Protein backbone atom coordinates (compact mmCIF):
# COMPACT_ATOMS: atom_id res chain seq x y z
CA HIS A 1 44.18 86.00 2.35
CA ASN A 2 42.86 83.88 -0.52
CA GLN A 3 42.11 80.57 1.19
CA GLU A 4 40.63 78.71 -1.78
CA ASN A 5 42.13 75.34 -0.76
CA ALA A 6 41.35 74.74 2.91
CA LYS A 7 43.79 71.81 3.12
CA ALA A 8 46.77 73.77 1.75
CA PRO A 9 49.28 75.05 4.34
CA PHE A 10 49.40 78.43 2.58
CA ALA A 11 47.19 80.98 0.82
CA SER A 12 47.27 80.99 -2.96
CA SER A 13 47.50 84.78 -2.85
CA VAL A 14 47.30 87.70 -0.45
CA MET A 15 46.24 91.26 -1.26
CA VAL A 16 47.22 94.16 0.99
CA PRO A 17 45.02 97.24 0.61
CA GLY A 18 46.35 100.76 0.90
CA GLY A 19 46.81 102.17 4.38
CA TYR A 20 48.78 99.21 5.81
CA ASN A 21 52.32 99.24 7.17
CA MET A 22 54.60 96.43 6.03
CA TYR A 23 56.98 94.62 8.39
CA PHE A 24 59.87 92.55 7.04
CA ILE A 25 60.85 89.99 9.66
CA SER A 26 64.37 88.59 9.28
CA GLY A 27 64.98 84.88 9.01
CA SER A 28 65.02 83.00 12.28
CA THR A 29 66.01 79.52 13.41
CA GLY A 30 65.21 77.41 16.46
CA GLU A 31 66.60 74.53 18.48
CA GLY A 32 65.42 70.96 18.12
CA ALA A 33 66.39 67.44 17.17
CA ASP A 34 64.50 67.35 13.87
CA THR A 35 62.70 69.53 11.33
CA ALA A 36 59.34 69.43 13.13
CA ALA A 37 60.86 70.44 16.46
CA GLN A 38 63.01 73.16 14.89
CA THR A 39 59.99 74.51 13.00
CA ALA A 40 57.96 74.68 16.21
CA ALA A 41 60.81 76.45 18.03
CA THR A 42 61.37 78.83 15.13
CA LEU A 43 57.68 79.72 14.96
CA ALA A 44 57.61 80.29 18.73
CA GLY A 45 60.51 82.72 18.41
CA LEU A 46 58.87 84.48 15.48
CA LYS A 47 55.58 84.72 17.41
CA ALA A 48 57.45 86.52 20.20
CA GLN A 49 59.15 88.83 17.70
CA LEU A 50 55.81 89.66 16.08
CA ALA A 51 54.24 90.34 19.50
CA LYS A 52 56.94 92.95 20.21
CA LEU A 53 55.69 94.75 17.09
CA GLY A 54 52.01 94.39 18.04
CA LEU A 55 51.50 91.69 15.39
CA THR A 56 50.25 88.10 15.33
CA PHE A 57 50.50 85.21 12.88
CA GLY A 58 47.21 86.50 11.45
CA ASP A 59 49.11 89.55 10.17
CA VAL A 60 51.66 87.48 8.24
CA VAL A 61 51.07 87.71 4.47
CA GLN A 62 54.25 86.08 3.08
CA ALA A 63 56.60 83.42 4.38
CA HIS A 64 59.80 81.93 3.04
CA VAL A 65 60.88 78.63 4.55
CA PHE A 66 64.41 77.32 4.03
CA LEU A 67 64.96 73.64 4.80
CA VAL A 68 68.23 71.73 4.97
CA GLY A 69 68.15 68.07 4.03
CA ASP A 70 67.71 66.05 7.19
CA PRO A 71 70.42 63.37 7.54
CA ALA A 72 67.82 61.12 9.23
CA LYS A 73 65.68 61.42 6.05
CA GLY A 74 68.44 60.50 3.61
CA GLY A 75 69.45 64.12 3.06
CA LYS A 76 66.00 65.18 1.81
CA MET A 77 64.14 68.10 3.31
CA ASP A 78 61.43 67.03 5.75
CA PHE A 79 58.55 69.00 4.22
CA ALA A 80 55.95 66.94 6.09
CA GLY A 81 57.72 67.52 9.40
CA MET A 82 57.80 71.26 8.78
CA ASN A 83 54.10 71.29 7.84
CA SER A 84 53.15 69.28 10.95
CA SER A 85 54.35 72.19 13.08
CA TRP A 86 53.17 74.85 10.62
CA PHE A 87 49.54 73.65 10.79
CA LYS A 88 49.55 74.16 14.58
CA GLU A 89 49.94 77.92 14.02
CA PHE A 90 48.33 78.67 10.63
CA GLY A 91 44.91 77.64 9.38
CA THR A 92 43.58 76.77 12.83
CA ALA A 93 40.19 77.61 14.32
CA ALA A 94 41.89 80.18 16.56
CA GLN A 95 44.03 81.65 13.74
CA PRO A 96 42.54 80.76 10.32
CA ASN A 97 44.79 82.96 8.14
CA LYS A 98 47.57 81.40 6.11
CA PRO A 99 50.24 83.44 4.32
CA ALA A 100 51.43 83.02 0.77
CA ARG A 101 54.49 80.79 1.17
CA ALA A 102 57.45 79.30 -0.63
CA ALA A 103 59.67 76.53 0.73
CA PHE A 104 63.15 75.73 -0.50
CA GLN A 105 65.69 73.01 0.17
CA VAL A 106 69.07 74.66 0.70
CA ALA A 107 72.55 73.20 1.10
CA SER A 108 73.06 74.64 4.59
CA LEU A 109 72.12 77.39 7.01
CA VAL A 110 74.33 79.49 9.27
CA GLY A 111 74.19 77.12 12.26
CA PRO A 112 75.80 73.72 11.71
CA THR A 113 72.75 71.85 13.07
CA ASP A 114 70.06 74.19 11.70
CA LEU A 115 67.49 72.45 9.53
CA VAL A 116 64.93 75.29 9.31
CA GLU A 117 64.97 79.05 8.78
CA ILE A 118 61.79 81.09 8.31
CA GLU A 119 61.29 84.74 7.36
CA PHE A 120 58.02 86.71 7.22
CA ILE A 121 56.40 89.75 5.72
CA ALA A 122 53.54 91.00 7.90
CA VAL A 123 51.14 93.93 7.57
CA LYS A 124 49.01 95.96 9.93
CA LYS A 125 46.59 98.79 9.32
CA ALA A 126 48.31 102.14 9.85
CA ASN A 127 46.97 104.31 12.68
């Protein structure tokens, strides 16, 4: 994880050496009244999914975040709201790694009230 900008919510690049297994984690959504709450719920669900695979957020090397425009924000994606929840899981003292990340505003997601969907690529050293 290249963490050259400590204030950024993502790594500028991530290199995976040979001998690691890659895990592609499908997009997930979560319940909540706004983008921050849905991001927190989505990350909680993804944390549980990773745990089933013996992985943690520290193993995540790539993230894609899809954000629907929040009607309460004039139809614009709430990037700050998403990051407020993101920073509670990535780049902390307990879990300092941050994945490479891209965020996109999309027209809609599968659920009619979904504002956030997140997918991951994670890696772990092969046994």
